[in-house]
Protein backbone atom coordinates (compact mmCIF):
# COMPACT_ATOMS: atom_id res chain seq x y z
CA MET A 1 86.03 41.34 -70.05
CA SER A 2 83.45 43.06 -72.83
CA LEU A 3 86.52 43.95 -74.65
CA LEU A 4 88.04 40.67 -74.95
CA ILE A 5 84.89 39.36 -76.12
CA SER A 6 84.22 42.14 -78.81
CA VAL A 7 88.04 41.47 -80.08
CA LEU A 8 87.20 37.63 -80.20
CA VAL A 9 84.12 38.19 -81.83
CA THR A 10 85.57 40.82 -84.46
CA PHE A 11 88.43 38.25 -85.04
CA LEU A 12 85.92 35.54 -85.63
CA VAL A 13 83.85 37.37 -88.03
CA VAL A 14 87.13 38.46 -90.17
CA VAL A 15 88.04 35.05 -90.33
CA LEU A 16 84.56 33.69 -91.34
CA VAL A 17 84.38 36.27 -93.97
CA LEU A 18 87.85 35.57 -95.48
CA TYR A 19 86.65 31.86 -95.58
CA LEU A 20 83.55 32.75 -97.30
CA VAL A 21 85.15 34.74 -99.91
CA ASN A 22 87.60 32.11 -100.69
CA ARG A 23 84.70 29.90 -101.30
CA LEU A 24 83.38 32.17 -103.95
CA PRO A 25 83.67 31.49 -107.68
CA MET A 26 85.56 34.86 -108.39
CA ASP A 27 88.76 35.90 -110.50
CA GLY A 28 91.96 35.50 -108.35
CA ARG A 29 92.69 39.27 -108.52
CA THR A 30 89.22 40.35 -107.45
CA LYS A 31 89.13 37.76 -104.58
CA GLN A 32 92.61 39.28 -103.30
CA ILE A 33 91.27 42.77 -103.52
CA VAL A 34 88.40 41.58 -101.60
CA GLN A 35 90.33 39.84 -98.99
CA VAL A 36 92.66 42.77 -98.23
CA ILE A 37 89.73 44.77 -97.90
CA VAL A 38 88.25 42.71 -95.41
CA ILE A 39 91.49 42.45 -93.42
CA ILE A 40 92.04 46.28 -93.49
CA ILE A 41 88.14 46.76 -92.24
CA GLY A 42 88.98 44.02 -89.51
CA VAL A 43 91.98 45.75 -88.39
CA LEU A 44 90.45 49.12 -88.22
CA SER A 45 87.59 47.91 -86.17
CA LEU A 46 89.92 46.16 -83.82
CA LEU A 47 92.02 49.40 -83.25
CA ARG A 48 88.70 50.93 -82.57
CA TYR A 49 87.92 48.43 -79.68
CA LEU A 50 91.53 48.72 -78.40
CA ALA A 51 90.74 52.81 -78.39
CA LEU A 52 93.99 53.29 -80.77
CA PHE A 53 92.05 54.83 -83.47
């Protein structure tokens, strides 16, 4: 059960950070780079919770 909660919390944090990045007044290219970095960090943390990485 705690694994499911951890995965859900991680997913919600990634979605929230992506939303906040979209709200920032930045250049389009910079915003895209930050979004890719956030997604990579989110995927790596999900893999860690699933014990695949």
